[in-house]
Amino acid sequence: DPPESALPFFEDLQMANGGQLSGLNYAVAGLGDSSYEVFCGTATRLDKELQRLGGKPLQAPLLFDVDYASHTATWIEQTVKSTNDLVGENISIPLWRRSLLCAPVKAIHAWSRLKVL
């Protein structure tokens, strides 16, 4: 299950109509423990919902187990490369978008509170 603070965001995603996020390119990383019955369920669910709404994944979700530190750098490099391939390496990103890239958790929380879906 998502953390309590993310529940409103997930509820909004579930109520949204398909196609509302067309044009969105995203990457998902989940941190879990493979000894649990459902491994990285929230990350998997988020990926499915974003795709249902028209989002396009930059890459397959990376589902980290407790040994995440050994895989984090590779995932970040792949995500940056995929983003650069999509938008170009020398693009000028407006300040408000830079804050979204640098603080995805805050952006998701703020976005979910705006009820834009």
N, C-alpha and C. Protein backbone atom coordinates (compact mmCIF):
# COMPACT_ATOMS: atom_id res chain seq x y z
N ASP A 1 0.83 -1.19 0.00
CA ASP A 1 0.00 0.00 0.00
C ASP A 1 0.88 1.25 0.00
N PRO A 2 0.38 2.31 -0.61
CA PRO A 2 1.13 3.57 -0.59
C PRO A 2 1.22 4.12 0.83
N PRO A 3 2.24 4.93 1.09
CA PRO A 3 2.29 5.60 2.39
C PRO A 3 1.05 6.48 2.56
N GLU A 4 0.67 6.72 3.79
CA GLU A 4 -0.54 7.50 4.07
C GLU A 4 -0.52 8.86 3.37
N SER A 5 0.64 9.50 3.34
CA SER A 5 0.73 10.82 2.73
C SER A 5 0.51 10.78 1.21
N ALA A 6 0.65 9.60 0.60
CA ALA A 6 0.47 9.47 -0.85
C ALA A 6 -0.93 8.99 -1.24
N LEU A 7 -1.74 8.63 -0.26
CA LEU A 7 -3.08 8.11 -0.57
C LEU A 7 -3.93 9.05 -1.41
N PRO A 8 -4.00 10.36 -1.08
CA PRO A 8 -4.81 11.25 -1.93
C PRO A 8 -4.33 11.28 -3.38
N PHE A 9 -3.03 11.23 -3.58
CA PHE A 9 -2.47 11.21 -4.93
C PHE A 9 -2.93 9.95 -5.68
N PHE A 10 -2.85 8.80 -5.04
CA PHE A 10 -3.27 7.56 -5.68
C PHE A 10 -4.78 7.54 -5.92
N GLU A 11 -5.55 8.10 -5.02
CA GLU A 11 -7.00 8.18 -5.22
C GLU A 11 -7.32 9.04 -6.44
N ASP A 12 -6.62 10.16 -6.58
CA ASP A 12 -6.82 11.02 -7.74
C ASP A 12 -6.46 10.30 -9.04
N LEU A 13 -5.37 9.56 -9.02
CA LEU A 13 -4.97 8.80 -10.21
C LEU A 13 -6.05 7.79 -10.59
N GLN A 14 -6.58 7.08 -9.62
CA GLN A 14 -7.58 6.07 -9.90
C GLN A 14 -8.87 6.66 -10.45
N MET A 15 -9.21 7.86 -10.04
CA MET A 15 -10.46 8.49 -10.49
C MET A 15 -10.30 9.19 -11.83
N ALA A 16 -9.08 9.40 -12.27
CA ALA A 16 -8.84 10.14 -13.51
C ALA A 16 -9.20 9.29 -14.72
N ASN A 17 -9.56 9.98 -15.79
CA ASN A 17 -9.88 9.33 -17.05
C ASN A 17 -8.61 9.08 -17.84
N GLY A 18 -8.61 8.00 -18.61
CA GLY A 18 -7.47 7.66 -19.45
C GLY A 18 -7.12 8.80 -20.40
N GLY A 19 -5.84 8.96 -20.67
CA GLY A 19 -5.37 9.97 -21.61
C GLY A 19 -5.03 11.31 -21.00
N GLN A 20 -5.37 11.53 -19.74
CA GLN A 20 -5.15 12.84 -19.14
C GLN A 20 -3.68 13.18 -18.95
N LEU A 21 -2.82 12.19 -19.00
CA LEU A 21 -1.39 12.45 -18.84
C LEU A 21 -0.61 12.16 -20.11
N SER A 22 -1.31 12.18 -21.26
CA SER A 22 -0.59 11.95 -22.51
C SER A 22 0.44 13.06 -22.67
N GLY A 23 1.60 12.68 -23.13
CA GLY A 23 2.71 13.63 -23.24
C GLY A 23 3.63 13.59 -22.04
N LEU A 24 3.23 12.91 -20.97
CA LEU A 24 4.08 12.79 -19.79
C LEU A 24 5.06 11.64 -19.99
N ASN A 25 6.33 11.92 -19.85
CA ASN A 25 7.35 10.89 -19.83
C ASN A 25 7.84 10.78 -18.40
N TYR A 26 8.01 9.57 -17.92
CA TYR A 26 8.32 9.40 -16.50
C TYR A 26 9.21 8.19 -16.28
N ALA A 27 9.77 8.12 -15.09
CA ALA A 27 10.51 6.95 -14.63
C ALA A 27 10.06 6.64 -13.21
N VAL A 28 9.97 5.37 -12.89
CA VAL A 28 9.54 4.95 -11.57
C VAL A 28 10.62 4.06 -10.96
N ALA A 29 10.95 4.35 -9.72
CA ALA A 29 11.82 3.48 -8.94
C ALA A 29 11.09 3.17 -7.65
N GLY A 30 11.09 1.92 -7.27
CA GLY A 30 10.45 1.51 -6.03
C GLY A 30 11.45 0.86 -5.10
N LEU A 31 11.27 1.07 -3.82
CA LEU A 31 12.12 0.47 -2.80
C LEU A 31 11.27 -0.46 -1.97
N GLY A 32 11.65 -1.72 -1.92
CA GLY A 32 10.86 -2.69 -1.18
C GLY A 32 11.72 -3.76 -0.54
N ASP A 33 11.06 -4.78 -0.10
CA ASP A 33 11.73 -5.91 0.53
C ASP A 33 11.12 -7.16 -0.08
N SER A 34 11.93 -7.92 -0.80
CA SER A 34 11.41 -9.07 -1.53
C SER A 34 10.87 -10.17 -0.62
N SER A 35 11.09 -10.06 0.68
CA SER A 35 10.51 -11.05 1.59
C SER A 35 9.02 -10.79 1.85
N TYR A 36 8.52 -9.61 1.44
CA TYR A 36 7.09 -9.30 1.59
C TYR A 36 6.30 -10.03 0.50
N GLU A 37 5.03 -10.27 0.79
CA GLU A 37 4.18 -10.97 -0.17
C GLU A 37 4.06 -10.20 -1.48
N VAL A 38 3.89 -8.89 -1.41
CA VAL A 38 3.83 -8.04 -2.59
C VAL A 38 5.08 -7.16 -2.59
N PHE A 39 5.94 -7.38 -3.55
CA PHE A 39 7.21 -6.65 -3.63
C PHE A 39 7.03 -5.39 -4.46
N CYS A 40 7.31 -4.24 -3.88
CA CYS A 40 7.25 -2.93 -4.56
C CYS A 40 5.89 -2.70 -5.22
N GLY A 41 4.84 -3.07 -4.50
CA GLY A 41 3.49 -2.95 -5.06
C GLY A 41 3.10 -1.53 -5.40
N THR A 42 3.51 -0.57 -4.59
CA THR A 42 3.14 0.82 -4.86
C THR A 42 3.80 1.32 -6.14
N ALA A 43 5.06 1.01 -6.33
CA ALA A 43 5.76 1.44 -7.54
C ALA A 43 5.15 0.80 -8.79
N THR A 44 4.83 -0.48 -8.69
CA THR A 44 4.21 -1.19 -9.81
C THR A 44 2.83 -0.60 -10.12
N ARG A 45 2.09 -0.32 -9.09
CA ARG A 45 0.75 0.28 -9.26
C ARG A 45 0.85 1.67 -9.88
N LEU A 46 1.82 2.47 -9.41
CA LEU A 46 2.01 3.81 -9.96
C LEU A 46 2.32 3.73 -11.45
N ASP A 47 3.22 2.84 -11.84
CA ASP A 47 3.58 2.69 -13.25
C ASP A 47 2.35 2.34 -14.09
N LYS A 48 1.55 1.40 -13.62
CA LYS A 48 0.34 1.00 -14.36
C LYS A 48 -0.65 2.14 -14.49
N GLU A 49 -0.85 2.89 -13.41
CA GLU A 49 -1.79 4.01 -13.45
C GLU A 49 -1.31 5.11 -14.39
N LEU A 50 -0.03 5.44 -14.34
CA LEU A 50 0.50 6.48 -15.22
C LEU A 50 0.36 6.06 -16.69
N GLN A 51 0.60 4.79 -16.98
CA GLN A 51 0.42 4.31 -18.35
C GLN A 51 -1.06 4.34 -18.76
N ARG A 52 -1.94 3.95 -17.85
CA ARG A 52 -3.38 3.99 -18.14
C ARG A 52 -3.83 5.39 -18.50
N LEU A 53 -3.21 6.37 -17.86
CA LEU A 53 -3.57 7.77 -18.09
C LEU A 53 -2.84 8.39 -19.27
N GLY A 54 -2.05 7.59 -19.98
CA GLY A 54 -1.40 8.09 -21.20
C GLY A 54 0.07 8.41 -21.04
N GLY A 55 0.62 8.25 -19.86
CA GLY A 55 2.04 8.51 -19.67
C GLY A 55 2.89 7.46 -20.37
N LYS A 56 4.09 7.86 -20.73
CA LYS A 56 5.01 6.95 -21.42
C LYS A 56 6.27 6.78 -20.56
N PRO A 57 6.55 5.53 -20.15
CA PRO A 57 7.74 5.31 -19.32
C PRO A 57 9.02 5.51 -20.12
N LEU A 58 9.99 6.16 -19.51
CA LEU A 58 11.30 6.30 -20.13
C LEU A 58 12.02 4.96 -20.15
N GLN A 59 11.70 4.12 -19.18
CA GLN A 59 12.30 2.79 -19.05
C GLN A 59 11.40 1.98 -18.14
N ALA A 60 11.67 0.69 -18.06
CA ALA A 60 10.90 -0.16 -17.15
C ALA A 60 11.15 0.29 -15.71
N PRO A 61 10.15 0.14 -14.85
CA PRO A 61 10.37 0.51 -13.45
C PRO A 61 11.50 -0.32 -12.86
N LEU A 62 12.28 0.32 -12.03
CA LEU A 62 13.32 -0.41 -11.32
C LEU A 62 12.81 -0.64 -9.91
N LEU A 63 12.78 -1.90 -9.53
CA LEU A 63 12.27 -2.28 -8.23
C LEU A 63 13.44 -2.69 -7.36
N PHE A 64 13.83 -1.81 -6.47
CA PHE A 64 14.97 -2.04 -5.60
C PHE A 64 14.60 -2.93 -4.43
N ASP A 65 15.47 -3.87 -4.13
CA ASP A 65 15.34 -4.68 -2.92
C ASP A 65 16.19 -4.00 -1.85
N VAL A 66 16.39 -4.66 -0.75
CA VAL A 66 17.13 -4.05 0.35
C VAL A 66 18.57 -3.70 -0.03
N ASP A 67 19.09 -4.27 -1.12
CA ASP A 67 20.45 -3.96 -1.58
C ASP A 67 20.45 -2.84 -2.62
N TYR A 68 19.54 -1.89 -2.49
CA TYR A 68 19.34 -0.85 -3.49
C TYR A 68 20.58 -0.04 -3.80
N ALA A 69 21.46 0.16 -2.84
CA ALA A 69 22.61 1.04 -3.04
C ALA A 69 23.49 0.60 -4.21
N SER A 70 23.56 -0.70 -4.44
CA SER A 70 24.42 -1.18 -5.52
C SER A 70 23.81 -0.93 -6.90
N HIS A 71 22.53 -0.58 -6.98
CA HIS A 71 21.86 -0.39 -8.27
C HIS A 71 21.45 1.06 -8.54
N THR A 72 21.47 1.89 -7.53
CA THR A 72 20.96 3.26 -7.64
C THR A 72 21.68 4.07 -8.70
N ALA A 73 23.00 4.06 -8.70
CA ALA A 73 23.77 4.88 -9.64
C ALA A 73 23.45 4.50 -11.09
N THR A 74 23.33 3.21 -11.35
CA THR A 74 23.02 2.75 -12.71
C THR A 74 21.64 3.24 -13.14
N TRP A 75 20.65 3.15 -12.24
CA TRP A 75 19.30 3.59 -12.58
C TRP A 75 19.29 5.10 -12.87
N ILE A 76 19.99 5.86 -12.05
CA ILE A 76 20.05 7.31 -12.26
C ILE A 76 20.70 7.61 -13.61
N GLU A 77 21.80 6.95 -13.92
CA GLU A 77 22.47 7.17 -15.20
C GLU A 77 21.55 6.82 -16.37
N GLN A 78 20.84 5.71 -16.29
CA GLN A 78 19.92 5.32 -17.36
C GLN A 78 18.78 6.32 -17.50
N THR A 79 18.27 6.80 -16.38
CA THR A 79 17.17 7.76 -16.42
C THR A 79 17.63 9.08 -17.02
N VAL A 80 18.80 9.55 -16.63
CA VAL A 80 19.33 10.79 -17.20
C VAL A 80 19.58 10.62 -18.70
N LYS A 81 20.13 9.48 -19.11
CA LYS A 81 20.37 9.24 -20.53
C LYS A 81 19.05 9.21 -21.30
N SER A 82 18.05 8.51 -20.77
CA SER A 82 16.75 8.45 -21.45
C SER A 82 16.13 9.83 -21.57
N THR A 83 16.26 10.62 -20.52
CA THR A 83 15.72 11.99 -20.55
C THR A 83 16.47 12.84 -21.57
N ASN A 84 17.79 12.75 -21.57
CA ASN A 84 18.59 13.50 -22.54
C ASN A 84 18.26 13.08 -23.96
N ASP A 85 18.07 11.78 -24.19
CA ASP A 85 17.70 11.31 -25.53
C ASP A 85 16.37 11.90 -25.96
N LEU A 86 15.48 12.09 -25.02
CA LEU A 86 14.14 12.60 -25.32
C LEU A 86 14.14 14.10 -25.57
N VAL A 87 14.81 14.86 -24.71
CA VAL A 87 14.71 16.32 -24.78
C VAL A 87 16.00 17.01 -25.23
N GLY A 88 17.08 16.28 -25.30
CA GLY A 88 18.35 16.89 -25.67
C GLY A 88 19.15 17.26 -24.44
N GLU A 89 20.46 17.19 -24.59
CA GLU A 89 21.33 17.42 -23.44
C GLU A 89 21.49 18.89 -23.09
N ASN A 90 21.31 19.78 -24.04
CA ASN A 90 21.59 21.19 -23.80
C ASN A 90 20.32 22.02 -23.72
N ILE A 91 19.23 21.41 -23.36
CA ILE A 91 17.97 22.13 -23.28
C ILE A 91 17.97 23.05 -22.06
N SER A 92 17.34 24.19 -22.22
CA SER A 92 17.19 25.12 -21.11
C SER A 92 15.87 24.79 -20.40
N ILE A 93 15.96 24.35 -19.16
CA ILE A 93 14.76 23.95 -18.42
C ILE A 93 14.33 25.12 -17.53
N PRO A 94 13.07 25.57 -17.67
CA PRO A 94 12.59 26.64 -16.81
C PRO A 94 12.73 26.29 -15.33
N LEU A 95 12.89 27.29 -14.51
CA LEU A 95 13.12 27.08 -13.08
C LEU A 95 12.05 26.22 -12.44
N TRP A 96 10.78 26.45 -12.76
CA TRP A 96 9.73 25.67 -12.11
C TRP A 96 9.83 24.20 -12.49
N ARG A 97 10.28 23.89 -13.69
CA ARG A 97 10.44 22.49 -14.08
C ARG A 97 11.66 21.88 -13.43
N ARG A 98 12.71 22.67 -13.24
CA ARG A 98 13.89 22.15 -12.55
C ARG A 98 13.53 21.71 -11.15
N SER A 99 12.65 22.47 -10.48
CA SER A 99 12.27 22.07 -9.13
C SER A 99 11.49 20.76 -9.15
N LEU A 100 10.72 20.52 -10.22
CA LEU A 100 10.01 19.25 -10.33
C LEU A 100 11.00 18.10 -10.53
N LEU A 101 12.03 18.33 -11.33
CA LEU A 101 13.02 17.29 -11.56
C LEU A 101 13.84 17.00 -10.31
N CYS A 102 14.11 18.03 -9.54
CA CYS A 102 14.98 17.88 -8.37
C CYS A 102 14.24 17.45 -7.12
N ALA A 103 12.95 17.65 -7.08
CA ALA A 103 12.20 17.31 -5.87
C ALA A 103 10.91 16.59 -6.24
N PRO A 104 11.03 15.39 -6.81
CA PRO A 104 9.82 14.72 -7.29
C PRO A 104 8.79 14.42 -6.21
N VAL A 105 9.21 14.13 -5.01
CA VAL A 105 8.23 13.83 -3.96
C VAL A 105 7.42 15.06 -3.63
N LYS A 106 8.08 16.21 -3.49
CA LYS A 106 7.36 17.45 -3.22
C LYS A 106 6.45 17.81 -4.39
N ALA A 107 6.93 17.59 -5.61
CA ALA A 107 6.12 17.91 -6.79
C ALA A 107 4.88 17.04 -6.85
N ILE A 108 5.04 15.75 -6.58
CA ILE A 108 3.89 14.85 -6.61
C ILE A 108 2.88 15.27 -5.54
N HIS A 109 3.37 15.60 -4.35
CA HIS A 109 2.47 16.01 -3.28
C HIS A 109 1.74 17.30 -3.68
N ALA A 110 2.47 18.27 -4.20
CA ALA A 110 1.84 19.54 -4.59
C ALA A 110 0.86 19.31 -5.74
N TRP A 111 1.25 18.49 -6.68
CA TRP A 111 0.40 18.22 -7.84
C TRP A 111 -0.89 17.55 -7.40
N SER A 112 -0.79 16.60 -6.48
CA SER A 112 -1.99 15.90 -6.06
C SER A 112 -2.94 16.82 -5.30
N ARG A 113 -2.38 17.81 -4.61
CA ARG A 113 -3.23 18.75 -3.86
C ARG A 113 -3.94 19.72 -4.78
N LEU A 114 -3.41 19.92 -6.02
CA LEU A 114 -4.05 20.84 -6.97
C LEU A 114 -5.30 20.24 -7.61
N LYS A 115 -5.45 18.94 -7.52
CA LYS A 115 -6.61 18.25 -8.09
C LYS A 115 -6.77 18.56 -9.58
N VAL A 116 -5.66 18.47 -10.32
CA VAL A 116 -5.72 18.79 -11.74
C VAL A 116 -6.29 17.65 -12.57
N LEU A 117 -6.46 16.49 -12.01
CA LEU A 117 -6.95 15.36 -12.80
C LEU A 117 -8.44 15.43 -12.97
